[in-house]
Amino acid sequence: MLEGKAVVRETDMPEAMQNHCLELAYQALDLHEVCDRQAIAHYIKQKFDEAYGPAWHCVVGVDFGSCITHLCGNFIFFRVETMEFLVFKDGKDLTESKEEAIGVLQGA
């Protein structure tokens, strides 16, 4: 487990959601080996999907770049010691049916 304090580098999330994300990161680091970044990312993504609806993404690593689009108010990039975390929501909540989505496209 990494013991360091989380440092938020960029975010547009509400503070309560930020705190929830940091808490989940610490939980994931407690539950999984630090080298198992895929399991850590999956844990955070799954918990955010449950809490805030689907379409969340999570990237965990030590040295990576990104160029993403995200829904406003649904992005955070932080680190815990040398481990970096990128969590964001992309697209819609995906709650509409396929027929509703097609109807929206045809109406445009």
PDB file of N, CA and C in Angstrom:
ATOM      1  N   MET A   1       0.838  -1.190   0.000  1.00  0.00           N
ATOM      2  CA  MET A   1       0.000   0.000   0.000  1.00  0.00           C
ATOM      3  C   MET A   1       0.875   1.242   0.000  1.00  0.00           C
ATOM      4  N   LEU A   2       0.451   2.236  -0.738  1.00  0.00           N
ATOM      5  CA  LEU A   2       1.120   3.530  -0.706  1.00  0.00           C
ATOM      6  C   LEU A   2       0.561   4.319   0.477  1.00  0.00           C
ATOM      7  N   GLU A   3       1.423   4.947   1.219  1.00  0.00           N
ATOM      8  CA  GLU A   3       1.016   5.632   2.445  1.00  0.00           C
ATOM      9  C   GLU A   3       0.865   7.139   2.277  1.00  0.00           C
ATOM     10  N   GLY A   4       1.299   7.691   1.149  1.00  0.00           N
ATOM     11  CA  GLY A   4       1.340   9.139   0.974  1.00  0.00           C
ATOM     12  C   GLY A   4      -0.031   9.785   0.891  1.00  0.00           C
ATOM     13  N   LYS A   5      -0.023  11.099   1.067  1.00  0.00           N
ATOM     14  CA  LYS A   5      -1.240  11.900   0.950  1.00  0.00           C
ATOM     15  C   LYS A   5      -1.540  12.148  -0.525  1.00  0.00           C
ATOM     16  N   ALA A   6      -2.795  12.090  -0.886  1.00  0.00           N
ATOM     17  CA  ALA A   6      -3.204  12.352  -2.262  1.00  0.00           C
ATOM     18  C   ALA A   6      -3.039  13.834  -2.574  1.00  0.00           C
ATOM     19  N   VAL A   7      -2.535  14.103  -3.773  1.00  0.00           N
ATOM     20  CA  VAL A   7      -2.376  15.481  -4.244  1.00  0.00           C
ATOM     21  C   VAL A   7      -3.173  15.622  -5.533  1.00  0.00           C
ATOM     22  N   VAL A   8      -4.206  16.453  -5.508  1.00  0.00           N
ATOM     23  CA  VAL A   8      -5.040  16.682  -6.683  1.00  0.00           C
ATOM     24  C   VAL A   8      -4.306  17.646  -7.604  1.00  0.00           C
ATOM     25  N   ARG A   9      -4.093  17.219  -8.847  1.00  0.00           N
ATOM     26  CA  ARG A   9      -3.375  18.059  -9.807  1.00  0.00           C
ATOM     27  C   ARG A   9      -4.336  18.886 -10.658  1.00  0.00           C
ATOM     28  N   GLU A  10      -5.444  18.274 -11.095  1.00  0.00           N
ATOM     29  CA  GLU A  10      -6.480  18.964 -11.882  1.00  0.00           C
ATOM     30  C   GLU A  10      -7.826  18.331 -11.549  1.00  0.00           C
ATOM     31  N   THR A  11      -8.866  19.157 -11.499  1.00  0.00           N
ATOM     32  CA  THR A  11     -10.212  18.622 -11.291  1.00  0.00           C
ATOM     33  C   THR A  11     -11.253  19.673 -11.619  1.00  0.00           C
ATOM     34  N   ASP A  12     -12.444  19.207 -11.955  1.00  0.00           N
ATOM     35  CA  ASP A  12     -13.608  20.089 -12.029  1.00  0.00           C
ATOM     36  C   ASP A  12     -14.786  19.440 -11.308  1.00  0.00           C
ATOM     37  N   MET A  13     -14.485  18.421 -10.492  1.00  0.00           N
ATOM     38  CA  MET A  13     -15.504  17.710  -9.719  1.00  0.00           C
ATOM     39  C   MET A  13     -15.921  18.516  -8.499  1.00  0.00           C
ATOM     40  N   PRO A  14     -17.167  18.329  -8.063  1.00  0.00           N
ATOM     41  CA  PRO A  14     -17.567  18.892  -6.769  1.00  0.00           C
ATOM     42  C   PRO A  14     -16.702  18.278  -5.661  1.00  0.00           C
ATOM     43  N   GLU A  15     -16.507  19.009  -4.601  1.00  0.00           N
ATOM     44  CA  GLU A  15     -15.608  18.567  -3.535  1.00  0.00           C
ATOM     45  C   GLU A  15     -16.018  17.229  -2.927  1.00  0.00           C
ATOM     46  N   ALA A  16     -17.305  17.005  -2.732  1.00  0.00           N
ATOM     47  CA  ALA A  16     -17.761  15.741  -2.145  1.00  0.00           C
ATOM     48  C   ALA A  16     -17.395  14.561  -3.050  1.00  0.00           C
ATOM     49  N   MET A  17     -17.533  14.732  -4.359  1.00  0.00           N
ATOM     50  CA  MET A  17     -17.186  13.672  -5.304  1.00  0.00           C
ATOM     51  C   MET A  17     -15.671  13.452  -5.321  1.00  0.00           C
ATOM     52  N   GLN A  18     -14.902  14.535  -5.230  1.00  0.00           N
ATOM     53  CA  GLN A  18     -13.444  14.412  -5.147  1.00  0.00           C
ATOM     54  C   GLN A  18     -13.047  13.579  -3.938  1.00  0.00           C
ATOM     55  N   ASN A  19     -13.625  13.904  -2.787  1.00  0.00           N
ATOM     56  CA  ASN A  19     -13.303  13.177  -1.556  1.00  0.00           C
ATOM     57  C   ASN A  19     -13.672  11.707  -1.673  1.00  0.00           C
ATOM     58  N   HIS A  20     -14.801  11.427  -2.304  1.00  0.00           N
ATOM     59  CA  HIS A  20     -15.216  10.047  -2.517  1.00  0.00           C
ATOM     60  C   HIS A  20     -14.200   9.313  -3.393  1.00  0.00           C
ATOM     61  N   CYS A  21     -13.730   9.964  -4.437  1.00  0.00           N
ATOM     62  CA  CYS A  21     -12.761   9.365  -5.345  1.00  0.00           C
ATOM     63  C   CYS A  21     -11.446   9.060  -4.625  1.00  0.00           C
ATOM     64  N   LEU A  22     -10.967   9.998  -3.832  1.00  0.00           N
ATOM     65  CA  LEU A  22      -9.728   9.787  -3.087  1.00  0.00           C
ATOM     66  C   LEU A  22      -9.881   8.641  -2.091  1.00  0.00           C
ATOM     67  N   GLU A  23     -11.036   8.591  -1.433  1.00  0.00           N
ATOM     68  CA  GLU A  23     -11.319   7.505  -0.490  1.00  0.00           C
ATOM     69  C   GLU A  23     -11.312   6.154  -1.203  1.00  0.00           C
ATOM     70  N   LEU A  24     -11.927   6.095  -2.385  1.00  0.00           N
ATOM     71  CA  LEU A  24     -11.940   4.847  -3.160  1.00  0.00           C
ATOM     72  C   LEU A  24     -10.534   4.451  -3.602  1.00  0.00           C
ATOM     73  N   ALA A  25      -9.707   5.428  -3.938  1.00  0.00           N
ATOM     74  CA  ALA A  25      -8.328   5.126  -4.331  1.00  0.00           C
ATOM     75  C   ALA A  25      -7.583   4.478  -3.169  1.00  0.00           C
ATOM     76  N   TYR A  26      -7.740   5.022  -1.974  1.00  0.00           N
ATOM     77  CA  TYR A  26      -7.087   4.434  -0.805  1.00  0.00           C
ATOM     78  C   TYR A  26      -7.615   3.024  -0.532  1.00  0.00           C
ATOM     79  N   GLN A  27      -8.932   2.829  -0.683  1.00  0.00           N
ATOM     80  CA  GLN A  27      -9.505   1.498  -0.498  1.00  0.00           C
ATOM     81  C   GLN A  27      -8.916   0.513  -1.501  1.00  0.00           C
ATOM     82  N   ALA A  28      -8.835   0.943  -2.759  1.00  0.00           N
ATOM     83  CA  ALA A  28      -8.301   0.076  -3.814  1.00  0.00           C
ATOM     84  C   ALA A  28      -6.843  -0.278  -3.528  1.00  0.00           C
ATOM     85  N   LEU A  29      -6.078   0.689  -3.049  1.00  0.00           N
ATOM     86  CA  LEU A  29      -4.676   0.426  -2.722  1.00  0.00           C
ATOM     87  C   LEU A  29      -4.547  -0.526  -1.537  1.00  0.00           C
ATOM     88  N   ASP A  30      -5.509  -0.496  -0.620  1.00  0.00           N
ATOM     89  CA  ASP A  30      -5.516  -1.443   0.503  1.00  0.00           C
ATOM     90  C   ASP A  30      -5.876  -2.854   0.043  1.00  0.00           C
ATOM     91  N   LEU A  31      -6.799  -2.941  -0.914  1.00  0.00           N
ATOM     92  CA  LEU A  31      -7.305  -4.241  -1.360  1.00  0.00           C
ATOM     93  C   LEU A  31      -6.416  -4.953  -2.375  1.00  0.00           C
ATOM     94  N   HIS A  32      -5.638  -4.203  -3.138  1.00  0.00           N
ATOM     95  CA  HIS A  32      -4.871  -4.773  -4.244  1.00  0.00           C
ATOM     96  C   HIS A  32      -3.393  -4.437  -4.120  1.00  0.00           C
ATOM     97  N   GLU A  33      -2.576  -5.265  -4.740  1.00  0.00           N
ATOM     98  CA  GLU A  33      -1.142  -4.987  -4.806  1.00  0.00           C
ATOM     99  C   GLU A  33      -0.923  -3.716  -5.624  1.00  0.00           C
ATOM    100  N   VAL A  34       0.053  -2.918  -5.244  1.00  0.00           N
ATOM    101  CA  VAL A  34       0.336  -1.666  -5.947  1.00  0.00           C
ATOM    102  C   VAL A  34       0.659  -1.922  -7.415  1.00  0.00           C
ATOM    103  N   CYS A  35       1.293  -3.054  -7.706  1.00  0.00           N
ATOM    104  CA  CYS A  35       1.667  -3.372  -9.091  1.00  0.00           C
ATOM    105  C   CYS A  35       0.468  -3.795  -9.944  1.00  0.00           C
ATOM    106  N   ASP A  36      -0.678  -4.105  -9.317  1.00  0.00           N
ATOM    107  CA  ASP A  36      -1.873  -4.531 -10.063  1.00  0.00           C
ATOM    108  C   ASP A  36      -2.738  -3.315 -10.383  1.00  0.00           C
ATOM    109  N   ARG A  37      -2.237  -2.478 -11.280  1.00  0.00           N
ATOM    110  CA  ARG A  37      -2.908  -1.215 -11.604  1.00  0.00           C
ATOM    111  C   ARG A  37      -4.265  -1.436 -12.252  1.00  0.00           C
ATOM    112  N   GLN A  38      -4.387  -2.512 -13.035  1.00  0.00           N
ATOM    113  CA  GLN A  38      -5.668  -2.790 -13.684  1.00  0.00           C
ATOM    114  C   GLN A  38      -6.754  -3.072 -12.651  1.00  0.00           C
ATOM    115  N   ALA A  39      -6.441  -3.838 -11.618  1.00  0.00           N
ATOM    116  CA  ALA A  39      -7.424  -4.140 -10.568  1.00  0.00           C
ATOM    117  C   ALA A  39      -7.783  -2.885  -9.778  1.00  0.00           C
ATOM    118  N   ILE A  40      -6.801  -2.029  -9.525  1.00  0.00           N
ATOM    119  CA  ILE A  40      -7.058  -0.778  -8.806  1.00  0.00           C
ATOM    120  C   ILE A  40      -7.996   0.108  -9.621  1.00  0.00           C
ATOM    121  N   ALA A  41      -7.705   0.255 -10.918  1.00  0.00           N
ATOM    122  CA  ALA A  41      -8.538   1.076 -11.795  1.00  0.00           C
ATOM    123  C   ALA A  41      -9.949   0.500 -11.908  1.00  0.00           C
ATOM    124  N   HIS A  42     -10.055  -0.809 -12.049  1.00  0.00           N
ATOM    125  CA  HIS A  42     -11.368  -1.459 -12.170  1.00  0.00           C
ATOM    126  C   HIS A  42     -12.204  -1.232 -10.912  1.00  0.00           C
ATOM    127  N   TYR A  43     -11.584  -1.329  -9.748  1.00  0.00           N
ATOM    128  CA  TYR A  43     -12.295  -1.118  -8.486  1.00  0.00           C
ATOM    129  C   TYR A  43     -12.893   0.295  -8.426  1.00  0.00           C
ATOM    130  N   ILE A  44     -12.076   1.298  -8.738  1.00  0.00           N
ATOM    131  CA  ILE A  44     -12.545   2.687  -8.685  1.00  0.00           C
ATOM    132  C   ILE A  44     -13.639   2.920  -9.718  1.00  0.00           C
ATOM    133  N   LYS A  45     -13.440   2.434 -10.940  1.00  0.00           N
ATOM    134  CA  LYS A  45     -14.448   2.585 -12.009  1.00  0.00           C
ATOM    135  C   LYS A  45     -15.771   1.946 -11.607  1.00  0.00           C
ATOM    136  N   GLN A  46     -15.716   0.730 -11.078  1.00  0.00           N
ATOM    137  CA  GLN A  46     -16.933   0.017 -10.690  1.00  0.00           C
ATOM    138  C   GLN A  46     -17.684   0.771  -9.593  1.00  0.00           C
ATOM    139  N   LYS A  47     -16.971   1.266  -8.597  1.00  0.00           N
ATOM    140  CA  LYS A  47     -17.617   1.992  -7.496  1.00  0.00           C
ATOM    141  C   LYS A  47     -18.218   3.317  -7.972  1.00  0.00           C
ATOM    142  N   PHE A  48     -17.537   3.997  -8.908  1.00  0.00           N
ATOM    143  CA  PHE A  48     -18.078   5.247  -9.442  1.00  0.00           C
ATOM    144  C   PHE A  48     -19.299   4.966 -10.323  1.00  0.00           C
ATOM    145  N   ASP A  49     -19.278   3.896 -11.106  1.00  0.00           N
ATOM    146  CA  ASP A  49     -20.454   3.510 -11.888  1.00  0.00           C
ATOM    147  C   ASP A  49     -21.653   3.266 -10.970  1.00  0.00           C
ATOM    148  N   GLU A  50     -21.428   2.584  -9.857  1.00  0.00           N
ATOM    149  CA  GLU A  50     -22.508   2.300  -8.903  1.00  0.00           C
ATOM    150  C   GLU A  50     -23.036   3.581  -8.257  1.00  0.00           C
ATOM    151  N   ALA A  51     -22.142   4.481  -7.910  1.00  0.00           N
ATOM    152  CA  ALA A  51     -22.540   5.687  -7.176  1.00  0.00           C
ATOM    153  C   ALA A  51     -23.098   6.786  -8.070  1.00  0.00           C
ATOM    154  N   TYR A  52     -22.556   6.937  -9.303  1.00  0.00           N
ATOM    155  CA  TYR A  52     -22.878   8.093 -10.133  1.00  0.00           C
ATOM    156  C   TYR A  52     -23.377   7.726 -11.532  1.00  0.00           C
ATOM    157  N   GLY A  53     -23.718   6.471 -11.754  1.00  0.00           N
ATOM    158  CA  GLY A  53     -24.189   6.038 -13.064  1.00  0.00           C
ATOM    159  C   GLY A  53     -23.042   5.600 -13.955  1.00  0.00           C
ATOM    160  N   PRO A  54     -23.368   4.913 -15.047  1.00  0.00           N
ATOM    161  CA  PRO A  54     -22.329   4.339 -15.914  1.00  0.00           C
ATOM    162  C   PRO A  54     -21.575   5.392 -16.737  1.00  0.00           C
ATOM    163  N   ALA A  55     -20.592   4.918 -17.452  1.00  0.00           N
ATOM    164  CA  ALA A  55     -19.756   5.686 -18.392  1.00  0.00           C
ATOM    165  C   ALA A  55     -18.526   6.302 -17.745  1.00  0.00           C
ATOM    166  N   TRP A  56     -18.107   5.796 -16.583  1.00  0.00           N
ATOM    167  CA  TRP A  56     -16.883   6.269 -15.937  1.00  0.00           C
ATOM    168  C   TRP A  56     -15.682   5.511 -16.470  1.00  0.00           C
ATOM    169  N   HIS A  57     -14.541   6.183 -16.480  1.00  0.00           N
ATOM    170  CA  HIS A  57     -13.269   5.595 -16.894  1.00  0.00           C
ATOM    171  C   HIS A  57     -12.240   5.904 -15.820  1.00  0.00           C
ATOM    172  N   CYS A  58     -11.295   4.979 -15.639  1.00  0.00           N
ATOM    173  CA  CYS A  58     -10.238   5.182 -14.663  1.00  0.00           C
ATOM    174  C   CYS A  58      -8.928   4.654 -15.240  1.00  0.00           C
ATOM    175  N   VAL A  59      -7.898   5.474 -15.181  1.00  0.00           N
ATOM    176  CA  VAL A  59      -6.561   5.086 -15.612  1.00  0.00           C
ATOM    177  C   VAL A  59      -5.640   5.232 -14.407  1.00  0.00           C
ATOM    178  N   VAL A  60      -4.850   4.204 -14.149  1.00  0.00           N
ATOM    179  CA  VAL A  60      -3.920   4.226 -13.028  1.00  0.00           C
ATOM    180  C   VAL A  60      -2.540   3.851 -13.551  1.00  0.00           C
ATOM    181  N   GLY A  61      -1.537   4.633 -13.210  1.00  0.00           N
ATOM    182  CA  GLY A  61      -0.187   4.331 -13.666  1.00  0.00           C
ATOM    183  C   GLY A  61       0.826   5.245 -13.023  1.00  0.00           C
ATOM    184  N   VAL A  62       2.080   5.129 -13.487  1.00  0.00           N
ATOM    185  CA  VAL A  62       3.136   5.948 -12.914  1.00  0.00           C
ATOM    186  C   VAL A  62       3.647   7.013 -13.875  1.00  0.00           C
ATOM    187  N   ASP A  63       3.425   6.845 -15.156  1.00  0.00           N
ATOM    188  CA  ASP A  63       3.923   7.833 -16.110  1.00  0.00           C
ATOM    189  C   ASP A  63       3.131   7.701 -17.400  1.00  0.00           C
ATOM    190  N   PHE A  64       2.085   8.497 -17.537  1.00  0.00           N
ATOM    191  CA  PHE A  64       1.261   8.427 -18.742  1.00  0.00           C
ATOM    192  C   PHE A  64       0.731   9.810 -19.084  1.00  0.00           C
ATOM    193  N   GLY A  65       0.392   9.988 -20.328  1.00  0.00           N
ATOM    194  CA  GLY A  65      -0.232  11.216 -20.784  1.00  0.00           C
ATOM    195  C   GLY A  65      -1.642  10.915 -21.254  1.00  0.00           C
ATOM    196  N   SER A  66      -2.429  11.954 -21.440  1.00  0.00           N
ATOM    197  CA  SER A  66      -3.798  11.743 -21.901  1.00  0.00           C
ATOM    198  C   SER A  66      -4.311  12.984 -22.616  1.00  0.00           C
ATOM    199  N   CYS A  67      -5.257  12.740 -23.492  1.00  0.00           N
ATOM    200  CA  CYS A  67      -5.999  13.804 -24.156  1.00  0.00           C
ATOM    201  C   CYS A  67      -7.421  13.276 -24.271  1.00  0.00           C
ATOM    202  N   ILE A  68      -8.307  13.745 -23.411  1.00  0.00           N
ATOM    203  CA  ILE A  68      -9.652  13.180 -23.311  1.00  0.00           C
ATOM    204  C   ILE A  68     -10.707  14.265 -23.413  1.00  0.00           C
ATOM    205  N   THR A  69     -11.933  13.829 -23.659  1.00  0.00           N
ATOM    206  CA  THR A  69     -13.096  14.691 -23.473  1.00  0.00           C
ATOM    207  C   THR A  69     -13.893  14.084 -22.331  1.00  0.00           C
ATOM    208  N   HIS A  70     -14.532  14.928 -21.556  1.00  0.00           N
ATOM    209  CA  HIS A  70     -15.303  14.447 -20.410  1.00  0.00           C
ATOM    210  C   HIS A  70     -16.497  15.359 -20.181  1.00  0.00           C
ATOM    211  N   LEU A  71     -17.456  14.845 -19.457  1.00  0.00           N
ATOM    212  CA  LEU A  71     -18.602  15.660 -19.070  1.00  0.00           C
ATOM    213  C   LEU A  71     -18.145  16.667 -18.021  1.00  0.00           C
ATOM    214  N   CYS A  72     -18.589  17.883 -18.160  1.00  0.00           N
ATOM    215  CA  CYS A  72     -18.224  18.950 -17.232  1.00  0.00           C
ATOM    216  C   CYS A  72     -18.592  18.549 -15.794  1.00  0.00           C
ATOM    217  N   GLY A  73     -17.658  18.740 -14.879  1.00  0.00           N
ATOM    218  CA  GLY A  73     -17.896  18.405 -13.477  1.00  0.00           C
ATOM    219  C   GLY A  73     -17.613  16.963 -13.143  1.00  0.00           C
ATOM    220  N   ASN A  74     -16.978  16.234 -14.070  1.00  0.00           N
ATOM    221  CA  ASN A  74     -16.765  14.798 -13.876  1.00  0.00           C
ATOM    222  C   ASN A  74     -15.340  14.381 -14.233  1.00  0.00           C
ATOM    223  N   PHE A  75     -14.340  15.128 -13.746  1.00  0.00           N
ATOM    224  CA  PHE A  75     -12.945  14.852 -14.071  1.00  0.00           C
ATOM    225  C   PHE A  75     -12.064  15.117 -12.862  1.00  0.00           C
ATOM    226  N   ILE A  76     -11.129  14.193 -12.609  1.00  0.00           N
ATOM    227  CA  ILE A  76     -10.116  14.421 -11.582  1.00  0.00           C
ATOM    228  C   ILE A  76      -8.832  13.702 -11.984  1.00  0.00           C
ATOM    229  N   PHE A  77      -7.714  14.366 -11.744  1.00  0.00           N
ATOM    230  CA  PHE A  77      -6.390  13.798 -11.971  1.00  0.00           C
ATOM    231  C   PHE A  77      -5.591  14.065 -10.707  1.00  0.00           C
ATOM    232  N   PHE A  78      -5.154  12.997 -10.036  1.00  0.00           N
ATOM    233  CA  PHE A  78      -4.432  13.148  -8.776  1.00  0.00           C
ATOM    234  C   PHE A  78      -3.364  12.078  -8.660  1.00  0.00           C
ATOM    235  N   ARG A  79      -2.521  12.246  -7.657  1.00  0.00           N
ATOM    236  CA  ARG A  79      -1.484  11.241  -7.421  1.00  0.00           C
ATOM    237  C   ARG A  79      -1.409  10.901  -5.941  1.00  0.00           C
ATOM    238  N   VAL A  80      -0.973   9.696  -5.684  1.00  0.00           N
ATOM    239  CA  VAL A  80      -0.636   9.244  -4.341  1.00  0.00           C
ATOM    240  C   VAL A  80       0.784   8.723  -4.448  1.00  0.00           C
ATOM    241  N   GLU A  81       1.716   9.442  -3.847  1.00  0.00           N
ATOM    242  CA  GLU A  81       3.147   9.183  -4.011  1.00  0.00           C
ATOM    243  C   GLU A  81       3.487   9.167  -5.499  1.00  0.00           C
ATOM    244  N   THR A  82       3.926   8.040  -6.045  1.00  0.00           N
ATOM    245  CA  THR A  82       4.297   7.998  -7.469  1.00  0.00           C
ATOM    246  C   THR A  82       3.174   7.493  -8.371  1.00  0.00           C
ATOM    247  N   MET A  83       2.076   7.026  -7.793  1.00  0.00           N
ATOM    248  CA  MET A  83       0.961   6.470  -8.557  1.00  0.00           C
ATOM    249  C   MET A  83       0.005   7.597  -8.956  1.00  0.00           C
ATOM    250  N   GLU A  84      -0.326   7.669 -10.253  1.00  0.00           N
ATOM    251  CA  GLU A  84      -1.243   8.692 -10.740  1.00  0.00           C
ATOM    252  C   GLU A  84      -2.586   8.070 -11.101  1.00  0.00           C
ATOM    253  N   PHE A  85      -3.654   8.844 -10.897  1.00  0.00           N
ATOM    254  CA  PHE A  85      -5.024   8.397 -11.124  1.00  0.00           C
ATOM    255  C   PHE A  85      -5.743   9.428 -11.989  1.00  0.00           C
ATOM    256  N   LEU A  86      -6.396   8.957 -13.026  1.00  0.00           N
ATOM    257  CA  LEU A  86      -7.230   9.790 -13.885  1.00  0.00           C
ATOM    258  C   LEU A  86      -8.613   9.158 -13.896  1.00  0.00           C
ATOM    259  N   VAL A  87      -9.612   9.902 -13.429  1.00  0.00           N
ATOM    260  CA  VAL A  87     -10.983   9.389 -13.358  1.00  0.00           C
ATOM    261  C   VAL A  87     -11.876  10.422 -14.037  1.00  0.00           C
ATOM    262  N   PHE A  88     -12.690   9.954 -14.995  1.00  0.00           N
ATOM    263  CA  PHE A  88     -13.563  10.872 -15.710  1.00  0.00           C
ATOM    264  C   PHE A  88     -14.769  10.136 -16.267  1.00  0.00           C
ATOM    265  N   LYS A  89     -15.814  10.912 -16.528  1.00  0.00           N
ATOM    266  CA  LYS A  89     -17.032  10.379 -17.129  1.00  0.00           C
ATOM    267  C   LYS A  89     -17.134  10.916 -18.544  1.00  0.00           C
ATOM    268  N   ASP A  90     -17.427  10.008 -19.467  1.00  0.00           N
ATOM    269  CA  ASP A  90     -17.478  10.348 -20.885  1.00  0.00           C
ATOM    270  C   ASP A  90     -18.855  10.000 -21.420  1.00  0.00           C
ATOM    271  N   GLY A  91     -19.423  10.858 -22.219  1.00  0.00           N
ATOM    272  CA  GLY A  91     -20.703  10.562 -22.858  1.00  0.00           C
ATOM    273  C   GLY A  91     -21.874  10.734 -21.930  1.00  0.00           C
ATOM    274  N   LYS A  92     -22.952  10.064 -22.299  1.00  0.00           N
ATOM    275  CA  LYS A  92     -24.194  10.144 -21.539  1.00  0.00           C
ATOM    276  C   LYS A  92     -24.214   9.100 -20.436  1.00  0.00           C
ATOM    277  N   ASP A  93     -25.277   9.130 -19.650  1.00  0.00           N
ATOM    278  CA  ASP A  93     -25.477   8.132 -18.616  1.00  0.00           C
ATOM    279  C   ASP A  93     -25.851   6.780 -19.207  1.00  0.00           C
ATOM    280  N   LEU A  94     -26.135   6.747 -20.499  1.00  0.00           N
ATOM    281  CA  LEU A  94     -26.524   5.520 -21.196  1.00  0.00           C
ATOM    282  C   LEU A  94     -27.792   4.900 -20.615  1.00  0.00           C
ATOM    283  N   THR A  95     -28.701   5.753 -20.111  1.00  0.00           N
ATOM    284  CA  THR A  95     -29.931   5.243 -19.525  1.00  0.00           C
ATOM    285  C   THR A  95     -31.053   5.151 -20.553  1.00  0.00           C
ATOM    286  N   GLU A  96     -30.891   5.821 -21.693  1.00  0.00           N
ATOM    287  CA  GLU A  96     -31.949   5.763 -22.691  1.00  0.00           C
ATOM    288  C   GLU A  96     -31.826   4.474 -23.505  1.00  0.00           C
ATOM    289  N   SER A  97     -32.942   4.036 -24.015  1.00  0.00           N
ATOM    290  CA  SER A  97     -32.954   2.803 -24.801  1.00  0.00           C
ATOM    291  C   SER A  97     -32.336   3.049 -26.171  1.00  0.00           C
ATOM    292  N   LYS A  98     -32.067   1.970 -26.857  1.00  0.00           N
ATOM    293  CA  LYS A  98     -31.503   2.064 -28.207  1.00  0.00           C
ATOM    294  C   LYS A  98     -32.471   2.806 -29.125  1.00  0.00           C
ATOM    295  N   GLU A  99     -33.753   2.543 -28.989  1.00  0.00           N
ATOM    296  CA  GLU A  99     -34.755   3.186 -29.829  1.00  0.00           C
ATOM    297  C   GLU A  99     -34.790   4.697 -29.566  1.00  0.00           C
ATOM    298  N   GLU A 100     -34.681   5.103 -28.288  1.00  0.00           N
ATOM    299  CA  GLU A 100     -34.668   6.530 -27.957  1.00  0.00           C
ATOM    300  C   GLU A 100     -33.433   7.197 -28.548  1.00  0.00           C
ATOM    301  N   ALA A 101     -32.287   6.527 -28.481  1.00  0.00           N
ATOM    302  CA  ALA A 101     -31.060   7.092 -29.022  1.00  0.00           C
ATOM    303  C   ALA A 101     -31.151   7.250 -30.536  1.00  0.00           C
ATOM    304  N   ILE A 102     -31.715   6.249 -31.200  1.00  0.00           N
ATOM    305  CA  ILE A 102     -31.893   6.328 -32.667  1.00  0.00           C
ATOM    306  C   ILE A 102     -32.855   7.452 -33.002  1.00  0.00           C
ATOM    307  N   GLY A 103     -33.902   7.595 -32.215  1.00  0.00           N
ATOM    308  CA  GLY A 103     -34.878   8.662 -32.439  1.00  0.00           C
ATOM    309  C   GLY A 103     -34.245  10.030 -32.312  1.00  0.00           C
ATOM    310  N   VAL A 104     -33.348  10.194 -31.366  1.00  0.00           N
ATOM    311  CA  VAL A 104     -32.650  11.460 -31.186  1.00  0.00           C
ATOM    312  C   VAL A 104     -31.802  11.755 -32.426  1.00  0.00           C
ATOM    313  N   LEU A 105     -31.114  10.740 -32.912  1.00  0.00           N
ATOM    314  CA  LEU A 105     -30.265  10.924 -34.103  1.00  0.00           C
ATOM    315  C   LEU A 105     -31.096  11.248 -35.337  1.00  0.00           C
ATOM    316  N   GLN A 106     -32.236  10.589 -35.495  1.00  0.00           N
ATOM    317  CA  GLN A 106     -33.067  10.827 -36.657  1.00  0.00           C
ATOM    318  C   GLN A 106     -33.740  12.192 -36.594  1.00  0.00           C
ATOM    319  N   GLY A 107     -34.007  12.671 -35.384  1.00  0.00           N
ATOM    320  CA  GLY A 107     -34.648  13.967 -35.218  1.00  0.00           C
ATOM    321  C   GLY A 107     -33.705  15.133 -35.462  1.00  0.00           C
ATOM    322  N   ALA A 108     -32.414  14.862 -35.483  1.00  0.00           N
ATOM    323  CA  ALA A 108     -31.436  15.944 -35.655  1.00  0.00           C
ATOM    324  C   ALA A 108     -31.308  16.392 -37.090  1.00  0.00           C
TER     325      ALA A 108
END
